[in-house]
């Protein structure tokens, strides 16, 4: 992707995060970039095309990060072995990384804020918000926990409820981070939560 196309994505996403997707026009994006609408249309067909590329970029980043942290890239139906092979160490490390990502990464943070603004105005945005930040992560963690139970790493339990218990503090702290000056202070609370969770539910002799 050219530098110009990349810059258009970043500026457009910033405007979407501040004003909401529906409120931002192609003219506003072009003006913020110091170019004409005609010049912008050489790179993207319309605002929807820009948005679609932003979503695709997020999926690409997500897959890359999953590989980096050795956690599943897709659903359990698509990559069952990845779920079987995920360790509690990989999951907890990825959890801390997700806090950093959604809070401090400019692209991810703006994407999250855009979805928060638009979730009540646009059904498709609400579906995307749920997939990326609410029900999606919970189902993902639930499937990982189911495989851990089969391996004897995790105690027998209601994995859906346990996934909610595990993920809820992360979701809350990501949300709280938008309202504090030092988001790193919140990370210590996440560390405490994760450590307590592991101590409470993970079969100690199986953890290396």
N, C-alpha and C. Protein backbone atom coordinates (compact mmCIF):
# COMPACT_ATOMS: atom_id res chain seq x y z
N UNK A 1 0.85 -1.19 0.00
CA UNK A 1 0.00 0.00 0.00
C UNK A 1 0.88 1.25 0.00
N UNK A 2 0.55 2.23 -0.85
CA UNK A 2 1.35 3.44 -0.94
C UNK A 2 1.21 4.27 0.33
N UNK A 3 2.18 5.17 0.52
CA UNK A 3 2.14 6.05 1.70
C UNK A 3 0.88 6.91 1.70
N UNK A 4 0.46 7.34 0.52
CA UNK A 4 -0.74 8.19 0.43
C UNK A 4 -1.98 7.42 0.84
N UNK A 5 -2.13 6.21 0.35
CA UNK A 5 -3.29 5.39 0.71
C UNK A 5 -3.30 5.10 2.20
N UNK A 6 -2.11 4.82 2.73
CA UNK A 6 -1.99 4.54 4.17
C UNK A 6 -2.38 5.76 4.98
N UNK A 7 -1.92 6.93 4.55
CA UNK A 7 -2.22 8.16 5.27
C UNK A 7 -3.71 8.48 5.23
N UNK A 8 -4.34 8.21 4.10
CA UNK A 8 -5.79 8.42 3.99
C UNK A 8 -6.53 7.55 5.00
N UNK A 9 -6.13 6.30 5.12
CA UNK A 9 -6.76 5.40 6.09
C UNK A 9 -6.64 5.94 7.51
N UNK A 10 -5.44 6.35 7.87
CA UNK A 10 -5.20 6.81 9.24
C UNK A 10 -5.98 8.09 9.56
N UNK A 11 -5.95 9.04 8.64
CA UNK A 11 -6.67 10.30 8.86
C UNK A 11 -8.17 10.08 8.89
N UNK A 12 -8.67 9.26 7.98
CA UNK A 12 -10.10 8.97 7.95
C UNK A 12 -10.54 8.29 9.24
N UNK A 13 -9.76 7.32 9.70
CA UNK A 13 -10.11 6.62 10.93
C UNK A 13 -10.10 7.56 12.12
N UNK A 14 -9.14 8.47 12.15
CA UNK A 14 -9.10 9.46 13.24
C UNK A 14 -10.38 10.31 13.23
N UNK A 15 -10.79 10.74 12.07
CA UNK A 15 -12.02 11.54 11.96
C UNK A 15 -13.25 10.72 12.36
N UNK A 16 -13.28 9.46 11.96
CA UNK A 16 -14.40 8.59 12.34
C UNK A 16 -14.45 8.41 13.85
N UNK A 17 -13.27 8.32 14.48
CA UNK A 17 -13.20 8.11 15.93
C UNK A 17 -13.66 9.34 16.71
N UNK A 18 -13.42 10.51 16.15
CA UNK A 18 -13.78 11.76 16.82
C UNK A 18 -15.24 12.16 16.55
N UNK A 19 -15.65 12.03 15.29
CA UNK A 19 -16.97 12.54 14.88
C UNK A 19 -18.01 11.45 14.62
N UNK A 20 -17.56 10.22 14.49
CA UNK A 20 -18.46 9.15 14.08
C UNK A 20 -18.41 8.96 12.58
N UNK A 21 -18.58 7.74 12.14
CA UNK A 21 -18.49 7.43 10.71
C UNK A 21 -19.51 8.20 9.88
N UNK A 22 -20.75 8.21 10.33
CA UNK A 22 -21.82 8.83 9.55
C UNK A 22 -21.63 10.33 9.37
N UNK A 23 -21.00 10.97 10.35
CA UNK A 23 -20.86 12.43 10.32
C UNK A 23 -19.71 12.92 9.44
N UNK A 24 -18.85 12.02 9.05
CA UNK A 24 -17.66 12.40 8.27
C UNK A 24 -17.92 12.19 6.78
N UNK A 25 -17.62 13.21 6.00
CA UNK A 25 -17.79 13.12 4.55
C UNK A 25 -16.44 12.94 3.88
N UNK A 26 -16.46 12.56 2.62
CA UNK A 26 -15.23 12.45 1.85
C UNK A 26 -14.55 13.82 1.76
N UNK A 27 -15.35 14.87 1.66
CA UNK A 27 -14.80 16.23 1.60
C UNK A 27 -14.01 16.56 2.87
N UNK A 28 -14.53 16.15 4.02
CA UNK A 28 -13.84 16.39 5.29
C UNK A 28 -12.52 15.65 5.34
N UNK A 29 -12.51 14.42 4.85
CA UNK A 29 -11.28 13.63 4.83
C UNK A 29 -10.26 14.28 3.91
N UNK A 30 -10.70 14.67 2.72
CA UNK A 30 -9.80 15.30 1.76
C UNK A 30 -9.23 16.60 2.31
N UNK A 31 -10.07 17.39 2.95
CA UNK A 31 -9.62 18.66 3.53
C UNK A 31 -8.57 18.43 4.61
N UNK A 32 -8.78 17.43 5.45
CA UNK A 32 -7.83 17.13 6.52
C UNK A 32 -6.49 16.67 5.96
N UNK A 33 -6.53 16.09 4.78
CA UNK A 33 -5.31 15.61 4.13
C UNK A 33 -4.65 16.66 3.24
N UNK A 34 -5.36 17.78 3.03
CA UNK A 34 -4.83 18.82 2.17
C UNK A 34 -4.85 18.43 0.70
N UNK A 35 -5.86 17.65 0.31
CA UNK A 35 -5.97 17.25 -1.10
C UNK A 35 -7.41 17.46 -1.57
N UNK A 36 -7.62 17.36 -2.84
CA UNK A 36 -8.96 17.50 -3.39
C UNK A 36 -9.69 16.16 -3.32
N UNK A 37 -11.03 16.23 -3.43
CA UNK A 37 -11.80 14.98 -3.45
C UNK A 37 -11.39 14.13 -4.66
N UNK A 38 -11.12 14.80 -5.77
CA UNK A 38 -10.72 14.08 -6.97
C UNK A 38 -9.44 13.28 -6.75
N UNK A 39 -8.49 13.90 -6.04
CA UNK A 39 -7.23 13.21 -5.76
C UNK A 39 -7.46 12.01 -4.85
N UNK A 40 -8.36 12.18 -3.88
CA UNK A 40 -8.66 11.08 -2.96
C UNK A 40 -9.31 9.92 -3.70
N UNK A 41 -10.19 10.24 -4.65
CA UNK A 41 -10.90 9.19 -5.39
C UNK A 41 -9.98 8.37 -6.30
N UNK A 42 -8.77 8.85 -6.50
CA UNK A 42 -7.79 8.06 -7.26
C UNK A 42 -7.31 6.86 -6.44
N UNK A 43 -7.49 6.96 -5.12
CA UNK A 43 -7.01 5.90 -4.22
C UNK A 43 -8.14 5.04 -3.66
N UNK A 44 -9.30 5.65 -3.42
CA UNK A 44 -10.45 4.92 -2.87
C UNK A 44 -11.72 5.34 -3.61
N UNK A 45 -12.63 4.38 -3.83
CA UNK A 45 -13.85 4.65 -4.58
C UNK A 45 -14.77 5.63 -3.87
N UNK A 46 -14.89 5.45 -2.55
CA UNK A 46 -15.80 6.26 -1.75
C UNK A 46 -15.51 6.05 -0.27
N UNK A 47 -16.33 6.60 0.59
CA UNK A 47 -16.12 6.47 2.03
C UNK A 47 -16.25 5.02 2.49
N UNK A 48 -17.19 4.31 1.90
CA UNK A 48 -17.39 2.90 2.26
C UNK A 48 -16.15 2.08 1.93
N UNK A 49 -15.52 2.39 0.82
CA UNK A 49 -14.29 1.70 0.42
C UNK A 49 -13.19 1.95 1.44
N UNK A 50 -13.09 3.17 1.92
CA UNK A 50 -12.10 3.50 2.96
C UNK A 50 -12.39 2.69 4.22
N UNK A 51 -13.65 2.67 4.61
CA UNK A 51 -14.04 1.92 5.81
C UNK A 51 -13.74 0.43 5.66
N UNK A 52 -14.07 -0.14 4.52
CA UNK A 52 -13.82 -1.56 4.29
C UNK A 52 -12.33 -1.88 4.39
N UNK A 53 -11.50 -0.98 3.89
CA UNK A 53 -10.05 -1.18 3.97
C UNK A 53 -9.55 -1.06 5.40
N UNK A 54 -10.17 -0.20 6.19
CA UNK A 54 -9.82 -0.07 7.61
C UNK A 54 -10.13 -1.38 8.33
N UNK A 55 -11.31 -1.93 8.08
CA UNK A 55 -11.70 -3.20 8.72
C UNK A 55 -10.77 -4.32 8.30
N UNK A 56 -10.47 -4.39 7.01
CA UNK A 56 -9.56 -5.41 6.51
C UNK A 56 -8.19 -5.28 7.15
N UNK A 57 -7.72 -4.04 7.32
CA UNK A 57 -6.43 -3.81 7.97
C UNK A 57 -6.46 -4.33 9.41
N UNK A 58 -7.56 -4.10 10.12
CA UNK A 58 -7.67 -4.59 11.50
C UNK A 58 -7.61 -6.11 11.55
N UNK A 59 -8.26 -6.77 10.62
CA UNK A 59 -8.21 -8.23 10.58
C UNK A 59 -6.79 -8.72 10.30
N UNK A 60 -6.09 -8.04 9.41
CA UNK A 60 -4.70 -8.40 9.11
C UNK A 60 -3.81 -8.25 10.33
N UNK A 61 -3.99 -7.14 11.04
CA UNK A 61 -3.22 -6.90 12.25
C UNK A 61 -3.53 -7.96 13.30
N UNK A 62 -4.81 -8.29 13.43
CA UNK A 62 -5.24 -9.29 14.41
C UNK A 62 -4.61 -10.64 14.14
N UNK A 63 -4.61 -11.06 12.88
CA UNK A 63 -4.00 -12.34 12.52
C UNK A 63 -2.50 -12.36 12.78
N UNK A 64 -1.85 -11.26 12.45
CA UNK A 64 -0.40 -11.15 12.68
C UNK A 64 -0.07 -11.23 14.16
N UNK A 65 -0.88 -10.56 14.97
CA UNK A 65 -0.63 -10.56 16.41
C UNK A 65 -0.92 -11.94 17.02
N UNK A 66 -1.93 -12.61 16.52
CA UNK A 66 -2.24 -13.95 17.01
C UNK A 66 -1.06 -14.90 16.77
N UNK A 67 -0.47 -14.81 15.59
CA UNK A 67 0.71 -15.63 15.29
C UNK A 67 1.86 -15.28 16.23
N UNK A 68 2.06 -13.99 16.42
CA UNK A 68 3.16 -13.52 17.27
C UNK A 68 3.04 -14.04 18.69
N UNK A 69 1.82 -14.08 19.23
CA UNK A 69 1.62 -14.49 20.62
C UNK A 69 1.18 -15.95 20.76
N UNK A 70 1.22 -16.68 19.64
CA UNK A 70 0.95 -18.12 19.64
C UNK A 70 -0.43 -18.46 20.21
N UNK A 71 -1.41 -17.72 19.74
CA UNK A 71 -2.81 -18.00 20.07
C UNK A 71 -3.57 -18.16 18.74
N UNK A 72 -4.77 -18.75 18.78
CA UNK A 72 -5.50 -19.01 17.53
C UNK A 72 -5.79 -17.75 16.72
N UNK A 73 -5.66 -17.90 15.39
CA UNK A 73 -5.92 -16.78 14.49
C UNK A 73 -7.37 -16.70 14.06
N UNK A 74 -8.08 -17.83 14.11
CA UNK A 74 -9.44 -17.87 13.61
C UNK A 74 -10.34 -18.62 14.59
N UNK A 75 -11.48 -19.10 14.12
CA UNK A 75 -12.41 -19.82 14.99
C UNK A 75 -11.92 -21.25 15.20
N UNK A 76 -12.49 -21.92 16.17
CA UNK A 76 -12.09 -23.29 16.48
C UNK A 76 -12.46 -24.24 15.34
N UNK A 77 -13.48 -23.91 14.57
CA UNK A 77 -13.88 -24.74 13.43
C UNK A 77 -12.80 -24.71 12.35
N UNK A 78 -12.19 -23.54 12.16
CA UNK A 78 -11.18 -23.36 11.12
C UNK A 78 -9.81 -23.86 11.58
N UNK A 79 -9.45 -23.56 12.82
CA UNK A 79 -8.11 -23.93 13.32
C UNK A 79 -8.21 -24.66 14.66
N UNK A 80 -8.77 -25.86 14.69
CA UNK A 80 -8.94 -26.58 15.96
C UNK A 80 -7.64 -26.88 16.68
N UNK A 81 -6.59 -27.21 15.92
CA UNK A 81 -5.31 -27.55 16.56
C UNK A 81 -4.71 -26.36 17.30
N UNK A 82 -4.94 -25.17 16.77
CA UNK A 82 -4.41 -23.96 17.42
C UNK A 82 -5.03 -23.79 18.80
N UNK A 83 -6.30 -24.12 18.93
CA UNK A 83 -6.98 -24.03 20.23
C UNK A 83 -6.45 -25.11 21.18
N UNK A 84 -6.22 -26.30 20.66
CA UNK A 84 -5.71 -27.39 21.49
C UNK A 84 -4.31 -27.07 22.01
N UNK A 85 -3.54 -26.35 21.21
CA UNK A 85 -2.14 -26.10 21.56
C UNK A 85 -1.92 -24.81 22.34
N UNK A 86 -2.96 -24.03 22.57
CA UNK A 86 -2.80 -22.76 23.29
C UNK A 86 -2.58 -23.03 24.78
N UNK A 87 -1.52 -22.46 25.32
CA UNK A 87 -1.20 -22.63 26.74
C UNK A 87 -1.76 -21.46 27.54
N UNK A 88 -1.84 -21.65 28.84
CA UNK A 88 -2.30 -20.56 29.71
C UNK A 88 -1.30 -19.41 29.67
N UNK A 89 -0.01 -19.74 29.50
CA UNK A 89 1.00 -18.69 29.40
C UNK A 89 0.79 -17.82 28.16
N UNK A 90 0.49 -18.48 27.03
CA UNK A 90 0.24 -17.74 25.80
C UNK A 90 -1.00 -16.85 25.93
N UNK A 91 -2.04 -17.40 26.54
CA UNK A 91 -3.29 -16.64 26.70
C UNK A 91 -3.09 -15.42 27.59
N UNK A 92 -2.41 -15.59 28.71
CA UNK A 92 -2.23 -14.46 29.63
C UNK A 92 -1.31 -13.40 29.03
N UNK A 93 -0.27 -13.84 28.33
CA UNK A 93 0.62 -12.89 27.67
C UNK A 93 -0.14 -12.09 26.61
N UNK A 94 -0.98 -12.78 25.87
CA UNK A 94 -1.80 -12.12 24.84
C UNK A 94 -2.80 -11.16 25.47
N UNK A 95 -3.30 -11.51 26.64
CA UNK A 95 -4.25 -10.64 27.35
C UNK A 95 -3.62 -9.29 27.67
N UNK A 96 -2.40 -9.32 28.21
CA UNK A 96 -1.70 -8.06 28.52
C UNK A 96 -1.42 -7.27 27.23
N UNK A 97 -1.05 -8.00 26.18
CA UNK A 97 -0.76 -7.35 24.90
C UNK A 97 -2.01 -6.71 24.31
N UNK A 98 -3.16 -7.33 24.52
CA UNK A 98 -4.41 -6.78 24.01
C UNK A 98 -4.77 -5.47 24.71
N UNK A 99 -4.49 -5.40 25.99
CA UNK A 99 -4.72 -4.13 26.71
C UNK A 99 -3.88 -3.03 26.07
N UNK A 100 -2.58 -3.31 25.90
CA UNK A 100 -1.69 -2.32 25.29
C UNK A 100 -2.18 -1.93 23.90
N UNK A 101 -2.58 -2.92 23.14
CA UNK A 101 -2.99 -2.71 21.75
C UNK A 101 -4.22 -1.81 21.64
N UNK A 102 -5.28 -2.17 22.35
CA UNK A 102 -6.52 -1.41 22.24
C UNK A 102 -6.45 -0.02 22.87
N UNK A 103 -5.49 0.15 23.80
CA UNK A 103 -5.39 1.44 24.50
C UNK A 103 -4.36 2.37 23.87
N UNK A 104 -3.20 1.84 23.49
CA UNK A 104 -2.09 2.71 23.08
C UNK A 104 -1.78 2.71 21.59
N UNK A 105 -2.17 1.67 20.87
CA UNK A 105 -1.94 1.67 19.42
C UNK A 105 -2.93 2.63 18.76
N UNK A 106 -2.43 3.60 18.04
CA UNK A 106 -3.30 4.66 17.50
C UNK A 106 -4.38 4.10 16.58
N UNK A 107 -4.01 3.20 15.71
CA UNK A 107 -4.97 2.65 14.76
C UNK A 107 -6.06 1.85 15.49
N UNK A 108 -5.63 0.97 16.39
CA UNK A 108 -6.58 0.13 17.13
C UNK A 108 -7.47 0.96 18.05
N UNK A 109 -6.87 1.93 18.73
CA UNK A 109 -7.63 2.77 19.65
C UNK A 109 -8.69 3.58 18.91
N UNK A 110 -8.33 4.14 17.77
CA UNK A 110 -9.30 4.91 16.98
C UNK A 110 -10.39 4.00 16.41
N UNK A 111 -10.02 2.79 16.03
CA UNK A 111 -11.00 1.83 15.52
C UNK A 111 -12.02 1.50 16.61
N UNK A 112 -11.52 1.27 17.80
CA UNK A 112 -12.39 0.96 18.94
C UNK A 112 -13.33 2.13 19.24
N UNK A 113 -12.79 3.34 19.27
CA UNK A 113 -13.60 4.51 19.58
C UNK A 113 -14.66 4.77 18.51
N UNK A 114 -14.31 4.51 17.27
CA UNK A 114 -15.29 4.65 16.19
C UNK A 114 -16.46 3.70 16.39
N UNK A 115 -16.15 2.45 16.74
CA UNK A 115 -17.21 1.46 16.95
C UNK A 115 -18.08 1.82 18.14
N UNK A 116 -17.46 2.35 19.18
CA UNK A 116 -18.23 2.77 20.36
C UNK A 116 -19.23 3.86 19.98
N UNK A 117 -18.77 4.83 19.19
CA UNK A 117 -19.65 5.93 18.78
C UNK A 117 -20.79 5.45 17.89
N UNK A 118 -20.51 4.51 17.01
CA UNK A 118 -21.47 4.15 15.97
C UNK A 118 -22.35 2.95 16.31
N UNK A 119 -22.06 2.24 17.39
CA UNK A 119 -22.76 0.98 17.66
C UNK A 119 -24.27 1.16 17.82
N UNK A 120 -24.71 2.33 18.28
CA UNK A 120 -26.14 2.55 18.49
C UNK A 120 -26.83 3.19 17.29
N UNK A 121 -26.05 3.60 16.31
CA UNK A 121 -26.60 4.27 15.13
C UNK A 121 -26.69 3.35 13.92
N UNK A 122 -25.85 2.34 13.93
CA UNK A 122 -25.68 1.52 12.73
C UNK A 122 -25.59 0.06 13.14
N UNK A 123 -26.51 -0.76 12.64
CA UNK A 123 -26.55 -2.17 13.03
C UNK A 123 -25.28 -2.91 12.65
N UNK A 124 -24.74 -2.61 11.48
CA UNK A 124 -23.51 -3.28 11.05
C UNK A 124 -22.34 -2.93 11.97
N UNK A 125 -22.31 -1.68 12.42
CA UNK A 125 -21.27 -1.26 13.35
C UNK A 125 -21.44 -1.97 14.69
N UNK A 126 -22.67 -2.16 15.11
CA UNK A 126 -22.92 -2.86 16.37
C UNK A 126 -22.45 -4.30 16.27
N UNK A 127 -22.73 -4.94 15.15
CA UNK A 127 -22.29 -6.33 14.94
C UNK A 127 -20.77 -6.40 14.98
N UNK A 128 -20.11 -5.44 14.34
CA UNK A 128 -18.65 -5.40 14.31
C UNK A 128 -18.08 -5.14 15.70
N UNK A 129 -18.72 -4.24 16.44
CA UNK A 129 -18.30 -3.95 17.82
C UNK A 129 -18.40 -5.20 18.68
N UNK A 130 -19.51 -5.90 18.58
CA UNK A 130 -19.69 -7.14 19.35
C UNK A 130 -18.64 -8.18 18.97
N UNK A 131 -18.37 -8.30 17.69
CA UNK A 131 -17.42 -9.30 17.20
C UNK A 131 -16.00 -9.00 17.67
N UNK A 132 -15.62 -7.73 17.64
CA UNK A 132 -14.24 -7.36 17.96
C UNK A 132 -13.98 -7.18 19.45
N UNK A 133 -14.99 -6.72 20.19
CA UNK A 133 -14.72 -6.30 21.57
C UNK A 133 -15.62 -6.92 22.64
N UNK A 134 -16.66 -7.62 22.26
CA UNK A 134 -17.57 -8.15 23.29
C UNK A 134 -17.77 -9.66 23.11
N UNK A 135 -18.76 -10.07 22.35
CA UNK A 135 -19.06 -11.49 22.22
C UNK A 135 -17.96 -12.28 21.53
N UNK A 136 -17.28 -11.65 20.57
CA UNK A 136 -16.20 -12.33 19.86
C UNK A 136 -15.10 -12.82 20.79
N UNK A 137 -14.51 -11.92 21.59
CA UNK A 137 -13.47 -12.35 22.53
C UNK A 137 -13.96 -13.37 23.55
N UNK A 138 -15.19 -13.23 24.02
CA UNK A 138 -15.73 -14.17 25.01
C UNK A 138 -15.84 -15.57 24.41
N UNK A 139 -16.37 -15.68 23.20
CA UNK A 139 -16.47 -16.99 22.55
C UNK A 139 -15.10 -17.58 22.27
N UNK A 140 -14.17 -16.74 21.89
CA UNK A 140 -12.79 -17.14 21.62
C UNK A 140 -12.15 -17.75 22.87
N UNK A 141 -12.28 -17.05 23.98
CA UNK A 141 -11.72 -17.53 25.25
C UNK A 141 -12.44 -18.78 25.72
N UNK A 142 -13.74 -18.82 25.55
CA UNK A 142 -14.52 -20.00 25.93
C UNK A 142 -14.01 -21.25 25.21
N UNK A 143 -13.75 -21.14 23.92
CA UNK A 143 -13.26 -22.29 23.15
C UNK A 143 -11.86 -22.71 23.62
N UNK A 144 -11.03 -21.74 23.97
CA UNK A 144 -9.70 -22.07 24.50
C UNK A 144 -9.84 -22.80 25.83
N UNK A 145 -10.72 -22.32 26.69
CA UNK A 145 -10.94 -22.95 28.00
C UNK A 145 -11.48 -24.38 27.84
N UNK A 146 -12.35 -24.60 26.89
CA UNK A 146 -12.87 -25.95 26.65
C UNK A 146 -11.75 -26.93 26.33
N UNK A 147 -10.80 -26.48 25.53
CA UNK A 147 -9.66 -27.33 25.18
C UNK A 147 -8.74 -27.54 26.39
N UNK A 148 -8.61 -26.53 27.23
CA UNK A 148 -7.77 -26.66 28.42
C UNK A 148 -8.37 -27.67 29.41
N UNK A 149 -9.68 -27.71 29.48
CA UNK A 149 -10.34 -28.69 30.35
C UNK A 149 -10.05 -30.10 29.85
N UNK A 150 -10.10 -30.30 28.55
CA UNK A 150 -9.82 -31.61 27.96
C UNK A 150 -8.40 -32.06 28.28
N UNK A 151 -7.47 -31.10 28.38
CA UNK A 151 -6.07 -31.43 28.67
C UNK A 151 -5.80 -31.53 30.16
N UNK A 152 -6.79 -31.19 30.98
CA UNK A 152 -6.60 -31.24 32.43
C UNK A 152 -5.89 -30.04 33.00
N UNK A 153 -5.76 -29.00 32.20
CA UNK A 153 -5.09 -27.78 32.66
C UNK A 153 -6.03 -26.90 33.47
N UNK A 154 -7.30 -26.94 33.09
CA UNK A 154 -8.32 -26.10 33.73
C UNK A 154 -9.35 -26.98 34.42
N UNK A 155 -9.81 -26.53 35.56
CA UNK A 155 -10.82 -27.27 36.31
C UNK A 155 -12.12 -27.34 35.50
N UNK A 156 -12.89 -28.42 35.71
CA UNK A 156 -14.21 -28.55 35.09
C UNK A 156 -15.09 -27.38 35.54
N UNK A 157 -15.76 -26.74 34.58
CA UNK A 157 -16.55 -25.56 34.92
C UNK A 157 -17.47 -25.18 33.76
N UNK A 158 -18.28 -24.17 33.98
CA UNK A 158 -19.08 -23.55 32.93
C UNK A 158 -18.14 -22.60 32.19
N UNK A 159 -17.64 -23.03 31.05
CA UNK A 159 -16.60 -22.26 30.37
C UNK A 159 -17.10 -20.91 29.84
N UNK A 160 -18.38 -20.82 29.49
CA UNK A 160 -18.91 -19.53 29.02
C UNK A 160 -18.87 -18.52 30.16
N UNK A 161 -19.30 -18.94 31.34
CA UNK A 161 -19.29 -18.06 32.49
C UNK A 161 -17.86 -17.70 32.88
N UNK A 162 -16.97 -18.68 32.78
CA UNK A 162 -15.57 -18.44 33.14
C UNK A 162 -14.91 -17.49 32.15
N UNK A 163 -15.26 -17.62 30.88
CA UNK A 163 -14.71 -16.71 29.87
C UNK A 163 -15.14 -15.27 30.14
N UNK A 164 -16.39 -15.11 30.55
CA UNK A 164 -16.88 -13.77 30.91
C UNK A 164 -16.11 -13.25 32.12
N UNK A 165 -15.91 -14.11 33.11
CA UNK A 165 -15.17 -13.70 34.32
C UNK A 165 -13.74 -13.29 33.98
N UNK A 166 -13.13 -14.00 33.04
CA UNK A 166 -11.75 -13.69 32.65
C UNK A 166 -11.67 -12.40 31.84
N UNK A 167 -12.59 -12.24 30.88
CA UNK A 167 -12.49 -11.13 29.94
C UNK A 167 -13.04 -9.81 30.46
N UNK A 168 -14.05 -9.87 31.32
CA UNK A 168 -14.73 -8.64 31.76
C UNK A 168 -13.79 -7.58 32.33
N UNK A 169 -12.84 -7.93 33.22
CA UNK A 169 -11.94 -6.90 33.73
C UNK A 169 -11.07 -6.26 32.64
N UNK A 170 -10.65 -7.05 31.65
CA UNK A 170 -9.88 -6.49 30.54
C UNK A 170 -10.72 -5.47 29.78
N UNK A 171 -11.94 -5.84 29.46
CA UNK A 171 -12.85 -4.93 28.75
C UNK A 171 -13.09 -3.66 29.56
N UNK A 172 -13.31 -3.82 30.86
CA UNK A 172 -13.56 -2.67 31.73
C UNK A 172 -12.36 -1.74 31.79
N UNK A 173 -11.18 -2.30 31.96
CA UNK A 173 -9.97 -1.48 32.09
C UNK A 173 -9.62 -0.78 30.79
N UNK A 174 -9.89 -1.41 29.66
CA UNK A 174 -9.70 -0.75 28.37
C UNK A 174 -10.61 0.46 28.27
N UNK A 175 -11.84 0.31 28.73
CA UNK A 175 -12.81 1.41 28.70
C UNK A 175 -12.41 2.53 29.65
N UNK A 176 -11.97 2.16 30.85
CA UNK A 176 -11.57 3.15 31.85
C UNK A 176 -10.35 3.93 31.38
N UNK A 177 -9.48 3.28 30.62
CA UNK A 177 -8.24 3.92 30.17
C UNK A 177 -8.49 5.18 29.36
N UNK A 178 -9.65 5.27 28.72
CA UNK A 178 -9.97 6.47 27.94
C UNK A 178 -10.17 7.70 28.81
N UNK A 179 -10.39 7.49 30.11
CA UNK A 179 -10.73 8.61 30.99
C UNK A 179 -9.63 8.94 32.00
N UNK A 180 -8.47 8.30 31.88
CA UNK A 180 -7.38 8.57 32.83
C UNK A 180 -6.15 9.08 32.10
N UNK A 181 -5.30 9.79 32.84
CA UNK A 181 -4.09 10.34 32.23
C UNK A 181 -3.02 9.26 32.04
N UNK A 182 -2.90 8.38 33.03
CA UNK A 182 -1.86 7.35 32.96
C UNK A 182 -2.51 5.97 32.87
N UNK A 183 -2.64 5.47 31.65
CA UNK A 183 -3.31 4.18 31.46
C UNK A 183 -2.47 3.02 31.98
N UNK A 184 -1.18 3.26 32.22
CA UNK A 184 -0.31 2.17 32.68
C UNK A 184 -0.59 1.80 34.12
N UNK A 185 -1.13 2.73 34.90
CA UNK A 185 -1.49 2.39 36.28
C UNK A 185 -2.57 1.31 36.32
N UNK A 186 -3.43 1.31 35.31
CA UNK A 186 -4.50 0.33 35.26
C UNK A 186 -3.99 -1.07 34.95
N UNK A 187 -2.83 -1.13 34.30
CA UNK A 187 -2.32 -2.45 33.91
C UNK A 187 -1.96 -3.30 35.11
N UNK A 188 -1.58 -2.67 36.20
CA UNK A 188 -1.26 -3.43 37.41
C UNK A 188 -2.51 -4.12 37.94
N UNK A 189 -3.67 -3.49 37.75
CA UNK A 189 -4.93 -4.12 38.16
C UNK A 189 -5.24 -5.33 37.28
N UNK A 190 -4.91 -5.22 36.01
CA UNK A 190 -5.10 -6.35 35.11
C UNK A 190 -4.17 -7.49 35.49
N UNK A 191 -2.95 -7.16 35.85
CA UNK A 191 -1.99 -8.18 36.29
C UNK A 191 -2.50 -8.91 37.52
N UNK A 192 -3.03 -8.17 38.47
CA UNK A 192 -3.58 -8.78 39.68
C UNK A 192 -4.73 -9.71 39.34
N UNK A 193 -5.61 -9.26 38.48
CA UNK A 193 -6.76 -10.09 38.07
C UNK A 193 -6.30 -11.39 37.43
N UNK A 194 -5.38 -11.29 36.46
CA UNK A 194 -4.93 -12.48 35.74
C UNK A 194 -4.24 -13.46 36.69
N UNK A 195 -3.39 -12.95 37.57
CA UNK A 195 -2.69 -13.81 38.52
C UNK A 195 -3.67 -14.52 39.45
N UNK A 196 -4.66 -13.80 39.92
CA UNK A 196 -5.66 -14.40 40.81
C UNK A 196 -6.50 -15.44 40.06
N UNK A 197 -6.81 -15.16 38.82
CA UNK A 197 -7.59 -16.09 38.01
C UNK A 197 -6.82 -17.40 37.83
N UNK A 198 -5.56 -17.29 37.45
CA UNK A 198 -4.73 -18.49 37.24
C UNK A 198 -4.61 -19.29 38.53
N UNK A 199 -4.38 -18.60 39.62
CA UNK A 199 -4.24 -19.27 40.92
C UNK A 199 -5.52 -20.00 41.30
N UNK A 200 -6.66 -19.42 40.97
CA UNK A 200 -7.96 -19.98 41.37
C UNK A 200 -8.40 -21.15 40.50
N UNK A 201 -8.15 -21.06 39.19
CA UNK A 201 -8.77 -22.03 38.27
C UNK A 201 -7.81 -22.99 37.57
N UNK A 202 -6.55 -22.63 37.47
CA UNK A 202 -5.63 -23.48 36.72
C UNK A 202 -5.06 -24.56 37.63
N UNK A 203 -5.04 -25.80 37.12
CA UNK A 203 -4.47 -26.92 37.86
C UNK A 203 -2.96 -26.73 37.92
N UNK A 204 -2.46 -26.41 39.11
CA UNK A 204 -1.08 -25.97 39.26
C UNK A 204 -0.05 -26.93 38.69
N UNK A 205 -0.26 -28.22 38.90
CA UNK A 205 0.76 -29.16 38.45
C UNK A 205 0.88 -29.23 36.93
N UNK A 206 -0.11 -28.66 36.23
CA UNK A 206 -0.07 -28.68 34.77
C UNK A 206 0.57 -27.43 34.19
N UNK A 207 0.80 -26.45 35.02
CA UNK A 207 1.36 -25.19 34.54
C UNK A 207 2.87 -25.23 34.62
N UNK A 208 3.54 -24.90 33.53
CA UNK A 208 5.00 -24.91 33.50
C UNK A 208 5.52 -23.49 33.41
